[in-house]
Amino acid sequence: MEFSRQNRVKEALKEEISQAIVKLKDPRIEMVTVTDVDVTPDLKTAYIYISSIEEERQAELVEVLNGAKGFIKREMSKSLHLKYTPELIFKWDLSIERASRISKIIYSSSLGEEEGQ
């Protein structure tokens, strides 16, 4: 299966941004993980989805990373040789929460079926 340029850039960005976040050495973002990256077809904007075990600090973590995007862009541009370095937009990844909610619904409905038997 051949990957498109967009997919290759997406994977490279995910790796480089993860490494740049570690280099920040900011104690507020120690437990942040880059879960996914979406890149626009023109490769000029990248949406970086993050997650952390500190879910109650979602807004703060996103704000800190959006504030540090200049540093992160410089770090990743050292390794990635792209004509344009994409604009970075950090967002909280809701997919983990959705999956957990769905699992709970499935589990509780299966318990209800067992009780009815």
PDB file of N, CA and C in Angstrom:
ATOM      1  N   MET A   1       0.838  -1.170   0.000  1.00  0.00           N
ATOM      2  CA  MET A   1       0.000   0.000   0.000  1.00  0.00           C
ATOM      3  C   MET A   1       0.890   1.243   0.000  1.00  0.00           C
ATOM      4  N   GLU A   2       0.710   2.096  -0.940  1.00  0.00           N
ATOM      5  CA  GLU A   2       1.515   3.298  -1.047  1.00  0.00           C
ATOM      6  C   GLU A   2       0.857   4.425  -0.262  1.00  0.00           C
ATOM      7  N   PHE A   3       1.667   5.099   0.545  1.00  0.00           N
ATOM      8  CA  PHE A   3       1.159   6.199   1.337  1.00  0.00           C
ATOM      9  C   PHE A   3       1.239   7.497   0.552  1.00  0.00           C
ATOM     10  N   SER A   4       0.245   8.315   0.707  1.00  0.00           N
ATOM     11  CA  SER A   4       0.250   9.618   0.056  1.00  0.00           C
ATOM     12  C   SER A   4       1.206  10.545   0.802  1.00  0.00           C
ATOM     13  N   ARG A   5       1.595  11.612   0.137  1.00  0.00           N
ATOM     14  CA  ARG A   5       2.481  12.596   0.780  1.00  0.00           C
ATOM     15  C   ARG A   5       1.841  13.122   2.064  1.00  0.00           C
ATOM     16  N   GLN A   6       0.543  13.359   2.031  1.00  0.00           N
ATOM     17  CA  GLN A   6      -0.163  13.867   3.200  1.00  0.00           C
ATOM     18  C   GLN A   6      -0.001  12.905   4.386  1.00  0.00           C
ATOM     19  N   ASN A   7      -0.133  11.612   4.144  1.00  0.00           N
ATOM     20  CA  ASN A   7       0.026  10.624   5.219  1.00  0.00           C
ATOM     21  C   ASN A   7       1.460  10.560   5.726  1.00  0.00           C
ATOM     22  N   ARG A   8       2.422  10.654   4.818  1.00  0.00           N
ATOM     23  CA  ARG A   8       3.828  10.640   5.238  1.00  0.00           C
ATOM     24  C   ARG A   8       4.150  11.860   6.090  1.00  0.00           C
ATOM     25  N   VAL A   9       3.656  13.020   5.684  1.00  0.00           N
ATOM     26  CA  VAL A   9       3.882  14.244   6.453  1.00  0.00           C
ATOM     27  C   VAL A   9       3.203  14.128   7.813  1.00  0.00           C
ATOM     28  N   LYS A  10       2.009  13.590   7.831  1.00  0.00           N
ATOM     29  CA  LYS A  10       1.261  13.407   9.075  1.00  0.00           C
ATOM     30  C   LYS A  10       2.058  12.572  10.075  1.00  0.00           C
ATOM     31  N   GLU A  11       2.579  11.458   9.634  1.00  0.00           N
ATOM     32  CA  GLU A  11       3.349  10.585  10.514  1.00  0.00           C
ATOM     33  C   GLU A  11       4.651  11.239  10.970  1.00  0.00           C
ATOM     34  N   ALA A  12       5.320  11.940  10.066  1.00  0.00           N
ATOM     35  CA  ALA A  12       6.562  12.630  10.418  1.00  0.00           C
ATOM     36  C   ALA A  12       6.291  13.740  11.431  1.00  0.00           C
ATOM     37  N   LEU A  13       5.213  14.481  11.234  1.00  0.00           N
ATOM     38  CA  LEU A  13       4.849  15.545  12.174  1.00  0.00           C
ATOM     39  C   LEU A  13       4.563  14.976  13.556  1.00  0.00           C
ATOM     40  N   LYS A  14       3.837  13.887  13.604  1.00  0.00           N
ATOM     41  CA  LYS A  14       3.502  13.272  14.894  1.00  0.00           C
ATOM     42  C   LYS A  14       4.770  12.925  15.667  1.00  0.00           C
ATOM     43  N   GLU A  15       5.727  12.345  14.990  1.00  0.00           N
ATOM     44  CA  GLU A  15       6.989  11.965  15.628  1.00  0.00           C
ATOM     45  C   GLU A  15       7.785  13.194  16.076  1.00  0.00           C
ATOM     46  N   GLU A  16       7.938  14.165  15.191  1.00  0.00           N
ATOM     47  CA  GLU A  16       8.746  15.351  15.493  1.00  0.00           C
ATOM     48  C   GLU A  16       8.105  16.224  16.573  1.00  0.00           C
ATOM     49  N   ILE A  17       6.795  16.365  16.532  1.00  0.00           N
ATOM     50  CA  ILE A  17       6.112  17.170  17.548  1.00  0.00           C
ATOM     51  C   ILE A  17       6.215  16.499  18.912  1.00  0.00           C
ATOM     52  N   SER A  18       6.088  15.192  18.955  1.00  0.00           N
ATOM     53  CA  SER A  18       6.239  14.460  20.220  1.00  0.00           C
ATOM     54  C   SER A  18       7.624  14.705  20.815  1.00  0.00           C
ATOM     55  N   GLN A  19       8.642  14.658  19.972  1.00  0.00           N
ATOM     56  CA  GLN A  19      10.011  14.900  20.447  1.00  0.00           C
ATOM     57  C   GLN A  19      10.196  16.347  20.890  1.00  0.00           C
ATOM     58  N   ALA A  20       9.618  17.288  20.167  1.00  0.00           N
ATOM     59  CA  ALA A  20       9.732  18.706  20.524  1.00  0.00           C
ATOM     60  C   ALA A  20       9.056  18.994  21.861  1.00  0.00           C
ATOM     61  N   ILE A  21       7.933  18.338  22.137  1.00  0.00           N
ATOM     62  CA  ILE A  21       7.237  18.537  23.407  1.00  0.00           C
ATOM     63  C   ILE A  21       8.118  18.080  24.565  1.00  0.00           C
ATOM     64  N   VAL A  22       8.832  16.984  24.381  1.00  0.00           N
ATOM     65  CA  VAL A  22       9.753  16.499  25.421  1.00  0.00           C
ATOM     66  C   VAL A  22      10.857  17.532  25.660  1.00  0.00           C
ATOM     67  N   LYS A  23      11.335  18.150  24.594  1.00  0.00           N
ATOM     68  CA  LYS A  23      12.407  19.145  24.707  1.00  0.00           C
ATOM     69  C   LYS A  23      11.952  20.417  25.419  1.00  0.00           C
ATOM     70  N   LEU A  24      10.653  20.656  25.487  1.00  0.00           N
ATOM     71  CA  LEU A  24      10.153  21.847  26.184  1.00  0.00           C
ATOM     72  C   LEU A  24      10.530  21.839  27.657  1.00  0.00           C
ATOM     73  N   LYS A  25      10.577  20.670  28.260  1.00  0.00           N
ATOM     74  CA  LYS A  25      10.916  20.508  29.682  1.00  0.00           C
ATOM     75  C   LYS A  25      10.058  21.403  30.572  1.00  0.00           C
ATOM     76  N   ASP A  26       8.804  21.501  30.223  1.00  0.00           N
ATOM     77  CA  ASP A  26       7.840  22.267  31.008  1.00  0.00           C
ATOM     78  C   ASP A  26       7.104  21.286  31.915  1.00  0.00           C
ATOM     79  N   PRO A  27       7.211  21.451  33.234  1.00  0.00           N
ATOM     80  CA  PRO A  27       6.575  20.484  34.146  1.00  0.00           C
ATOM     81  C   PRO A  27       5.058  20.396  33.989  1.00  0.00           C
ATOM     82  N   ARG A  28       4.439  21.425  33.417  1.00  0.00           N
ATOM     83  CA  ARG A  28       2.978  21.395  33.246  1.00  0.00           C
ATOM     84  C   ARG A  28       2.547  20.398  32.178  1.00  0.00           C
ATOM     85  N   ILE A  29       3.450  20.006  31.295  1.00  0.00           N
ATOM     86  CA  ILE A  29       3.071  19.123  30.189  1.00  0.00           C
ATOM     87  C   ILE A  29       3.846  17.818  30.177  1.00  0.00           C
ATOM     88  N   GLU A  30       4.268  17.368  31.335  1.00  0.00           N
ATOM     89  CA  GLU A  30       5.045  16.127  31.412  1.00  0.00           C
ATOM     90  C   GLU A  30       4.277  14.897  30.940  1.00  0.00           C
ATOM     91  N   MET A  31       3.001  14.869  31.172  1.00  0.00           N
ATOM     92  CA  MET A  31       2.220  13.667  30.885  1.00  0.00           C
ATOM     93  C   MET A  31       1.359  13.805  29.628  1.00  0.00           C
ATOM     94  N   VAL A  32       1.810  14.595  28.657  1.00  0.00           N
ATOM     95  CA  VAL A  32       1.058  14.817  27.433  1.00  0.00           C
ATOM     96  C   VAL A  32       1.529  13.857  26.350  1.00  0.00           C
ATOM     97  N   THR A  33       0.576  13.307  25.626  1.00  0.00           N
ATOM     98  CA  THR A  33       0.865  12.407  24.518  1.00  0.00           C
ATOM     99  C   THR A  33       0.191  12.927  23.256  1.00  0.00           C
ATOM    100  N   VAL A  34       0.931  12.904  22.155  1.00  0.00           N
ATOM    101  CA  VAL A  34       0.344  13.242  20.865  1.00  0.00           C
ATOM    102  C   VAL A  34      -0.331  11.967  20.363  1.00  0.00           C
ATOM    103  N   THR A  35      -1.656  12.011  20.237  1.00  0.00           N
ATOM    104  CA  THR A  35      -2.401  10.812  19.845  1.00  0.00           C
ATOM    105  C   THR A  35      -2.651  10.741  18.347  1.00  0.00           C
ATOM    106  N   ASP A  36      -2.759  11.905  17.707  1.00  0.00           N
ATOM    107  CA  ASP A  36      -3.026  11.908  16.272  1.00  0.00           C
ATOM    108  C   ASP A  36      -2.692  13.276  15.696  1.00  0.00           C
ATOM    109  N   VAL A  37      -2.491  13.297  14.397  1.00  0.00           N
ATOM    110  CA  VAL A  37      -2.259  14.539  13.664  1.00  0.00           C
ATOM    111  C   VAL A  37      -3.088  14.476  12.393  1.00  0.00           C
ATOM    112  N   ASP A  38      -3.814  15.547  12.110  1.00  0.00           N
ATOM    113  CA  ASP A  38      -4.530  15.692  10.840  1.00  0.00           C
ATOM    114  C   ASP A  38      -3.891  16.845  10.090  1.00  0.00           C
ATOM    115  N   VAL A  39      -3.596  16.617   8.835  1.00  0.00           N
ATOM    116  CA  VAL A  39      -2.972  17.642   8.004  1.00  0.00           C
ATOM    117  C   VAL A  39      -3.920  17.976   6.861  1.00  0.00           C
ATOM    118  N   THR A  40      -4.068  19.271   6.591  1.00  0.00           N
ATOM    119  CA  THR A  40      -4.906  19.683   5.470  1.00  0.00           C
ATOM    120  C   THR A  40      -4.242  19.248   4.165  1.00  0.00           C
ATOM    121  N   PRO A  41      -5.010  19.063   3.105  1.00  0.00           N
ATOM    122  CA  PRO A  41      -4.441  18.601   1.832  1.00  0.00           C
ATOM    123  C   PRO A  41      -3.317  19.495   1.284  1.00  0.00           C
ATOM    124  N   ASP A  42      -3.367  20.794   1.584  1.00  0.00           N
ATOM    125  CA  ASP A  42      -2.298  21.682   1.107  1.00  0.00           C
ATOM    126  C   ASP A  42      -1.078  21.678   2.037  1.00  0.00           C
ATOM    127  N   LEU A  43      -1.134  20.904   3.119  1.00  0.00           N
ATOM    128  CA  LEU A  43      -0.056  20.728   4.100  1.00  0.00           C
ATOM    129  C   LEU A  43       0.304  22.013   4.840  1.00  0.00           C
ATOM    130  N   LYS A  44      -0.585  22.968   4.855  1.00  0.00           N
ATOM    131  CA  LYS A  44      -0.273  24.237   5.510  1.00  0.00           C
ATOM    132  C   LYS A  44      -0.798  24.337   6.938  1.00  0.00           C
ATOM    133  N   THR A  45      -1.681  23.436   7.325  1.00  0.00           N
ATOM    134  CA  THR A  45      -2.228  23.437   8.681  1.00  0.00           C
ATOM    135  C   THR A  45      -2.223  22.005   9.216  1.00  0.00           C
ATOM    136  N   ALA A  46      -1.796  21.878  10.468  1.00  0.00           N
ATOM    137  CA  ALA A  46      -1.806  20.575  11.125  1.00  0.00           C
ATOM    138  C   ALA A  46      -2.560  20.693  12.445  1.00  0.00           C
ATOM    139  N   TYR A  47      -3.525  19.819  12.636  1.00  0.00           N
ATOM    140  CA  TYR A  47      -4.267  19.738  13.887  1.00  0.00           C
ATOM    141  C   TYR A  47      -3.639  18.619  14.694  1.00  0.00           C
ATOM    142  N   ILE A  48      -3.114  18.966  15.854  1.00  0.00           N
ATOM    143  CA  ILE A  48      -2.429  17.996  16.694  1.00  0.00           C
ATOM    144  C   ILE A  48      -3.337  17.661  17.862  1.00  0.00           C
ATOM    145  N   TYR A  49      -3.703  16.400  17.972  1.00  0.00           N
ATOM    146  CA  TYR A  49      -4.587  15.940  19.034  1.00  0.00           C
ATOM    147  C   TYR A  49      -3.741  15.376  20.164  1.00  0.00           C
ATOM    148  N   ILE A  50      -4.008  15.869  21.376  1.00  0.00           N
ATOM    149  CA  ILE A  50      -3.228  15.454  22.534  1.00  0.00           C
ATOM    150  C   ILE A  50      -4.131  14.808  23.578  1.00  0.00           C
ATOM    151  N   SER A  51      -3.483  14.061  24.465  1.00  0.00           N
ATOM    152  CA  SER A  51      -4.182  13.420  25.557  1.00  0.00           C
ATOM    153  C   SER A  51      -3.254  13.412  26.764  1.00  0.00           C
ATOM    154  N   SER A  52      -3.836  13.254  27.931  1.00  0.00           N
ATOM    155  CA  SER A  52      -3.064  13.195  29.160  1.00  0.00           C
ATOM    156  C   SER A  52      -3.897  12.494  30.218  1.00  0.00           C
ATOM    157  N   ILE A  53      -3.216  11.948  31.200  1.00  0.00           N
ATOM    158  CA  ILE A  53      -3.955  11.336  32.295  1.00  0.00           C
ATOM    159  C   ILE A  53      -4.586  12.413  33.178  1.00  0.00           C
ATOM    160  N   GLU A  54      -4.134  13.652  33.008  1.00  0.00           N
ATOM    161  CA  GLU A  54      -4.674  14.770  33.770  1.00  0.00           C
ATOM    162  C   GLU A  54      -5.793  15.449  32.973  1.00  0.00           C
ATOM    163  N   GLU A  55      -6.883  14.733  32.792  1.00  0.00           N
ATOM    164  CA  GLU A  55      -7.987  15.208  31.959  1.00  0.00           C
ATOM    165  C   GLU A  55      -8.610  16.500  32.468  1.00  0.00           C
ATOM    166  N   GLU A  56      -8.574  16.714  33.775  1.00  0.00           N
ATOM    167  CA  GLU A  56      -9.184  17.920  34.328  1.00  0.00           C
ATOM    168  C   GLU A  56      -8.417  19.182  33.931  1.00  0.00           C
ATOM    169  N   ARG A  57      -7.225  19.032  33.385  1.00  0.00           N
ATOM    170  CA  ARG A  57      -6.406  20.175  32.969  1.00  0.00           C
ATOM    171  C   ARG A  57      -6.369  20.335  31.447  1.00  0.00           C
ATOM    172  N   GLN A  58      -7.366  19.825  30.760  1.00  0.00           N
ATOM    173  CA  GLN A  58      -7.401  19.863  29.294  1.00  0.00           C
ATOM    174  C   GLN A  58      -7.121  21.249  28.733  1.00  0.00           C
ATOM    175  N   ALA A  59      -7.894  22.214  29.166  1.00  0.00           N
ATOM    176  CA  ALA A  59      -7.779  23.570  28.608  1.00  0.00           C
ATOM    177  C   ALA A  59      -6.391  24.148  28.847  1.00  0.00           C
ATOM    178  N   GLU A  60      -5.854  23.945  30.029  1.00  0.00           N
ATOM    179  CA  GLU A  60      -4.521  24.471  30.348  1.00  0.00           C
ATOM    180  C   GLU A  60      -3.446  23.830  29.472  1.00  0.00           C
ATOM    181  N   LEU A  61      -3.522  22.525  29.301  1.00  0.00           N
ATOM    182  CA  LEU A  61      -2.522  21.824  28.495  1.00  0.00           C
ATOM    183  C   LEU A  61      -2.557  22.277  27.041  1.00  0.00           C
ATOM    184  N   VAL A  62      -3.754  22.421  26.488  1.00  0.00           N
ATOM    185  CA  VAL A  62      -3.891  22.887  25.108  1.00  0.00           C
ATOM    186  C   VAL A  62      -3.356  24.313  24.999  1.00  0.00           C
ATOM    187  N   GLU A  63      -3.673  25.145  25.978  1.00  0.00           N
ATOM    188  CA  GLU A  63      -3.215  26.538  25.964  1.00  0.00           C
ATOM    189  C   GLU A  63      -1.685  26.622  26.031  1.00  0.00           C
ATOM    190  N   VAL A  64      -1.069  25.817  26.890  1.00  0.00           N
ATOM    191  CA  VAL A  64       0.398  25.820  27.013  1.00  0.00           C
ATOM    192  C   VAL A  64       1.040  25.413  25.691  1.00  0.00           C
ATOM    193  N   LEU A  65       0.527  24.369  25.081  1.00  0.00           N
ATOM    194  CA  LEU A  65       1.117  23.897  23.821  1.00  0.00           C
ATOM    195  C   LEU A  65       0.876  24.883  22.677  1.00  0.00           C
ATOM    196  N   ASN A  66      -0.300  25.476  22.621  1.00  0.00           N
ATOM    197  CA  ASN A  66      -0.533  26.492  21.594  1.00  0.00           C
ATOM    198  C   ASN A  66       0.380  27.694  21.808  1.00  0.00           C
ATOM    199  N   GLY A  67       0.718  27.990  23.061  1.00  0.00           N
ATOM    200  CA  GLY A  67       1.636  29.075  23.361  1.00  0.00           C
ATOM    201  C   GLY A  67       3.078  28.756  22.993  1.00  0.00           C
ATOM    202  N   ALA A  68       3.398  27.462  22.974  1.00  0.00           N
ATOM    203  CA  ALA A  68       4.771  27.035  22.663  1.00  0.00           C
ATOM    204  C   ALA A  68       4.938  26.603  21.214  1.00  0.00           C
ATOM    205  N   LYS A  69       3.951  26.854  20.377  1.00  0.00           N
ATOM    206  CA  LYS A  69       4.031  26.325  19.016  1.00  0.00           C
ATOM    207  C   LYS A  69       5.154  26.937  18.194  1.00  0.00           C
ATOM    208  N   GLY A  70       5.601  28.151  18.520  1.00  0.00           N
ATOM    209  CA  GLY A  70       6.741  28.740  17.819  1.00  0.00           C
ATOM    210  C   GLY A  70       7.992  27.901  18.025  1.00  0.00           C
ATOM    211  N   PHE A  71       8.252  27.521  19.279  1.00  0.00           N
ATOM    212  CA  PHE A  71       9.392  26.660  19.596  1.00  0.00           C
ATOM    213  C   PHE A  71       9.240  25.305  18.916  1.00  0.00           C
ATOM    214  N   ILE A  72       8.056  24.734  18.998  1.00  0.00           N
ATOM    215  CA  ILE A  72       7.815  23.406  18.422  1.00  0.00           C
ATOM    216  C   ILE A  72       8.017  23.441  16.901  1.00  0.00           C
ATOM    217  N   LYS A  73       7.533  24.490  16.243  1.00  0.00           N
ATOM    218  CA  LYS A  73       7.720  24.619  14.791  1.00  0.00           C
ATOM    219  C   LYS A  73       9.202  24.723  14.437  1.00  0.00           C
ATOM    220  N   ARG A  74       9.955  25.504  15.205  1.00  0.00           N
ATOM    221  CA  ARG A  74      11.400  25.622  14.937  1.00  0.00           C
ATOM    222  C   ARG A  74      12.095  24.275  15.089  1.00  0.00           C
ATOM    223  N   GLU A  75      11.753  23.558  16.151  1.00  0.00           N
ATOM    224  CA  GLU A  75      12.372  22.252  16.393  1.00  0.00           C
ATOM    225  C   GLU A  75      12.069  21.267  15.273  1.00  0.00           C
ATOM    226  N   MET A  76      10.814  21.207  14.860  1.00  0.00           N
ATOM    227  CA  MET A  76      10.456  20.225  13.834  1.00  0.00           C
ATOM    228  C   MET A  76      10.978  20.630  12.460  1.00  0.00           C
ATOM    229  N   SER A  77      11.131  21.932  12.211  1.00  0.00           N
ATOM    230  CA  SER A  77      11.641  22.357  10.905  1.00  0.00           C
ATOM    231  C   SER A  77      13.120  22.022  10.747  1.00  0.00           C
ATOM    232  N   LYS A  78      13.824  21.791  11.860  1.00  0.00           N
ATOM    233  CA  LYS A  78      15.226  21.373  11.785  1.00  0.00           C
ATOM    234  C   LYS A  78      15.348  19.976  11.190  1.00  0.00           C
ATOM    235  N   SER A  79      14.373  19.130  11.469  1.00  0.00           N
ATOM    236  CA  SER A  79      14.419  17.738  11.011  1.00  0.00           C
ATOM    237  C   SER A  79      13.635  17.503   9.726  1.00  0.00           C
ATOM    238  N   LEU A  80      12.508  18.184   9.600  1.00  0.00           N
ATOM    239  CA  LEU A  80      11.658  17.994   8.431  1.00  0.00           C
ATOM    240  C   LEU A  80      12.017  19.042   7.385  1.00  0.00           C
ATOM    241  N   HIS A  81      12.198  18.618   6.195  1.00  0.00           N
ATOM    242  CA  HIS A  81      12.554  19.540   5.131  1.00  0.00           C
ATOM    243  C   HIS A  81      11.341  19.733   4.228  1.00  0.00           C
ATOM    244  N   LEU A  82      10.445  20.586   4.718  1.00  0.00           N
ATOM    245  CA  LEU A  82       9.224  20.892   3.989  1.00  0.00           C
ATOM    246  C   LEU A  82       9.324  22.301   3.433  1.00  0.00           C
ATOM    247  N   LYS A  83       8.678  22.518   2.324  1.00  0.00           N
ATOM    248  CA  LYS A  83       8.674  23.857   1.729  1.00  0.00           C
ATOM    249  C   LYS A  83       8.034  24.850   2.698  1.00  0.00           C
ATOM    250  N   TYR A  84       6.931  24.442   3.310  1.00  0.00           N
ATOM    251  CA  TYR A  84       6.244  25.255   4.312  1.00  0.00           C
ATOM    252  C   TYR A  84       6.117  24.446   5.590  1.00  0.00           C
ATOM    253  N   THR A  85       6.412  25.093   6.701  1.00  0.00           N
ATOM    254  CA  THR A  85       6.168  24.456   7.979  1.00  0.00           C
ATOM    255  C   THR A  85       4.711  24.727   8.328  1.00  0.00           C
ATOM    256  N   PRO A  86       3.928  23.687   8.545  1.00  0.00           N
ATOM    257  CA  PRO A  86       2.491  23.894   8.768  1.00  0.00           C
ATOM    258  C   PRO A  86       2.197  24.701  10.033  1.00  0.00           C
ATOM    259  N   GLU A  87       1.097  25.413   9.993  1.00  0.00           N
ATOM    260  CA  GLU A  87       0.586  26.084  11.182  1.00  0.00           C
ATOM    261  C   GLU A  87       0.077  24.988  12.114  1.00  0.00           C
ATOM    262  N   LEU A  88       0.440  25.064  13.390  1.00  0.00           N
ATOM    263  CA  LEU A  88       0.071  24.029  14.349  1.00  0.00           C
ATOM    264  C   LEU A  88      -1.108  24.495  15.191  1.00  0.00           C
ATOM    265  N   ILE A  89      -2.087  23.635  15.323  1.00  0.00           N
ATOM    266  CA  ILE A  89      -3.243  23.912  16.170  1.00  0.00           C
ATOM    267  C   ILE A  89      -3.435  22.694  17.077  1.00  0.00           C
ATOM    268  N   PHE A  90      -3.216  22.896  18.365  1.00  0.00           N
ATOM    269  CA  PHE A  90      -3.356  21.802  19.327  1.00  0.00           C
ATOM    270  C   PHE A  90      -4.795  21.717  19.808  1.00  0.00           C
ATOM    271  N   LYS A  91      -5.276  20.475  19.904  1.00  0.00           N
ATOM    272  CA  LYS A  91      -6.641  20.210  20.363  1.00  0.00           C
ATOM    273  C   LYS A  91      -6.621  19.003  21.294  1.00  0.00           C
ATOM    274  N   TRP A  92      -7.597  18.968  22.180  1.00  0.00           N
ATOM    275  CA  TRP A  92      -7.749  17.826  23.079  1.00  0.00           C
ATOM    276  C   TRP A  92      -8.377  16.675  22.302  1.00  0.00           C
ATOM    277  N   ASP A  93      -7.831  15.482  22.439  1.00  0.00           N
ATOM    278  CA  ASP A  93      -8.354  14.306  21.746  1.00  0.00           C
ATOM    279  C   ASP A  93      -9.521  13.728  22.541  1.00  0.00           C
ATOM    280  N   LEU A  94     -10.689  13.802  21.966  1.00  0.00           N
ATOM    281  CA  LEU A  94     -11.901  13.313  22.634  1.00  0.00           C
ATOM    282  C   LEU A  94     -12.176  11.837  22.354  1.00  0.00           C
ATOM    283  N   SER A  95     -11.428  11.221  21.455  1.00  0.00           N
ATOM    284  CA  SER A  95     -11.718   9.842  21.051  1.00  0.00           C
ATOM    285  C   SER A  95     -11.565   8.852  22.202  1.00  0.00           C
ATOM    286  N   ILE A  96     -10.633   9.080  23.101  1.00  0.00           N
ATOM    287  CA  ILE A  96     -10.433   8.166  24.232  1.00  0.00           C
ATOM    288  C   ILE A  96     -11.640   8.228  25.160  1.00  0.00           C
ATOM    289  N   GLU A  97     -12.119   9.442  25.424  1.00  0.00           N
ATOM    290  CA  GLU A  97     -13.300   9.602  26.275  1.00  0.00           C
ATOM    291  C   GLU A  97     -14.528   8.960  25.635  1.00  0.00           C
ATOM    292  N   ARG A  98     -14.676   9.142  24.322  1.00  0.00           N
ATOM    293  CA  ARG A  98     -15.813   8.540  23.612  1.00  0.00           C
ATOM    294  C   ARG A  98     -15.750   7.020  23.685  1.00  0.00           C
ATOM    295  N   ALA A  99     -14.578   6.466  23.491  1.00  0.00           N
ATOM    296  CA  ALA A  99     -14.422   5.014  23.531  1.00  0.00           C
ATOM    297  C   ALA A  99     -14.759   4.479  24.924  1.00  0.00           C
ATOM    298  N   SER A 100     -14.327   5.196  25.943  1.00  0.00           N
ATOM    299  CA  SER A 100     -14.617   4.781  27.313  1.00  0.00           C
ATOM    300  C   SER A 100     -16.122   4.815  27.581  1.00  0.00           C
ATOM    301  N   ARG A 101     -16.773   5.869  27.108  1.00  0.00           N
ATOM    302  CA  ARG A 101     -18.225   5.998  27.294  1.00  0.00           C
ATOM    303  C   ARG A 101     -18.959   4.874  26.575  1.00  0.00           C
ATOM    304  N   ILE A 102     -18.539   4.564  25.351  1.00  0.00           N
ATOM    305  CA  ILE A 102     -19.175   3.483  24.587  1.00  0.00           C
ATOM    306  C   ILE A 102     -18.980   2.146  25.281  1.00  0.00           C
ATOM    307  N   SER A 103     -17.768   1.915  25.809  1.00  0.00           N
ATOM    308  CA  SER A 103     -17.492   0.668  26.527  1.00  0.00           C
ATOM    309  C   SER A 103     -18.404   0.523  27.740  1.00  0.00           C
ATOM    310  N   LYS A 104     -18.603   1.620  28.475  1.00  0.00           N
ATOM    311  CA  LYS A 104     -19.469   1.578  29.649  1.00  0.00           C
ATOM    312  C   LYS A 104     -20.907   1.262  29.255  1.00  0.00           C
ATOM    313  N   ILE A 105     -21.355   1.863  28.153  1.00  0.00           N
ATOM    314  CA  ILE A 105     -22.721   1.606  27.681  1.00  0.00           C
ATOM    315  C   ILE A 105     -22.886   0.143  27.293  1.00  0.00           C
ATOM    316  N   ILE A 106     -21.926  -0.387  26.561  1.00  0.00           N
ATOM    317  CA  ILE A 106     -21.982  -1.789  26.140  1.00  0.00           C
ATOM    318  C   ILE A 106     -21.948  -2.708  27.347  1.00  0.00           C
ATOM    319  N   TYR A 107     -21.060  -2.401  28.292  1.00  0.00           N
ATOM    320  CA  TYR A 107     -20.944  -3.225  29.491  1.00  0.00           C
ATOM    321  C   TYR A 107     -22.242  -3.212  30.296  1.00  0.00           C
ATOM    322  N   SER A 108     -22.805  -2.015  30.485  1.00  0.00           N
ATOM    323  CA  SER A 108     -24.037  -1.937  31.290  1.00  0.00           C
ATOM    324  C   SER A 108     -25.214  -2.600  30.570  1.00  0.00           C
ATOM    325  N   SER A 109     -25.258  -2.511  29.243  1.00  0.00           N
ATOM    326  CA  SER A 109     -26.357  -3.160  28.531  1.00  0.00           C
ATOM    327  C   SER A 109     -26.197  -4.678  28.555  1.00  0.00           C
ATOM    328  N   SER A 110     -24.970  -5.156  28.552  1.00  0.00           N
ATOM    329  CA  SER A 110     -24.769  -6.613  28.614  1.00  0.00           C
ATOM    330  C   SER A 110     -25.134  -7.137  29.998  1.00  0.00           C
ATOM    331  N   LEU A 111     -24.929  -6.339  31.035  1.00  0.00           N
ATOM    332  CA  LEU A 111     -25.343  -6.739  32.379  1.00  0.00           C
ATOM    333  C   LEU A 111     -26.865  -6.814  32.457  1.00  0.00           C
ATOM    334  N   GLY A 112     -27.539  -5.864  31.826  1.00  0.00           N
ATOM    335  CA  GLY A 112     -28.995  -5.860  31.809  1.00  0.00           C
ATOM    336  C   GLY A 112     -29.560  -7.069  31.111  1.00  0.00           C
ATOM    337  N   GLU A 113     -28.905  -7.534  30.038  1.00  0.00           N
ATOM    338  CA  GLU A 113     -29.349  -8.721  29.318  1.00  0.00           C
ATOM    339  C   GLU A 113     -29.176  -9.970  30.177  1.00  0.00           C
ATOM    340  N   GLU A 114     -28.062 -10.029  30.927  1.00  0.00           N
ATOM    341  CA  GLU A 114     -27.806 -11.193  31.771  1.00  0.00           C
ATOM    342  C   GLU A 114     -28.838 -11.294  32.884  1.00  0.00           C
ATOM    343  N   GLU A 115     -29.247 -10.139  33.435  1.00  0.00           N
ATOM    344  CA  GLU A 115     -30.226 -10.151  34.523  1.00  0.00           C
ATOM    345  C   GLU A 115     -31.601 -10.607  34.014  1.00  0.00           C
ATOM    346  N   GLY A 116     -31.905 -10.298  32.739  1.00  0.00           N
ATOM    347  CA  GLY A 116     -33.196 -10.665  32.179  1.00  0.00           C
ATOM    348  C   GLY A 116     -33.303 -12.132  31.815  1.00  0.00           C
ATOM    349  N   GLN A 117     -32.200 -12.835  31.796  1.00  0.00           N
ATOM    350  CA  GLN A 117     -32.232 -14.254  31.396  1.00  0.00           C
ATOM    351  C   GLN A 117     -32.609 -15.161  32.519  1.00  0.00           C
TER     352      GLN A 117
END
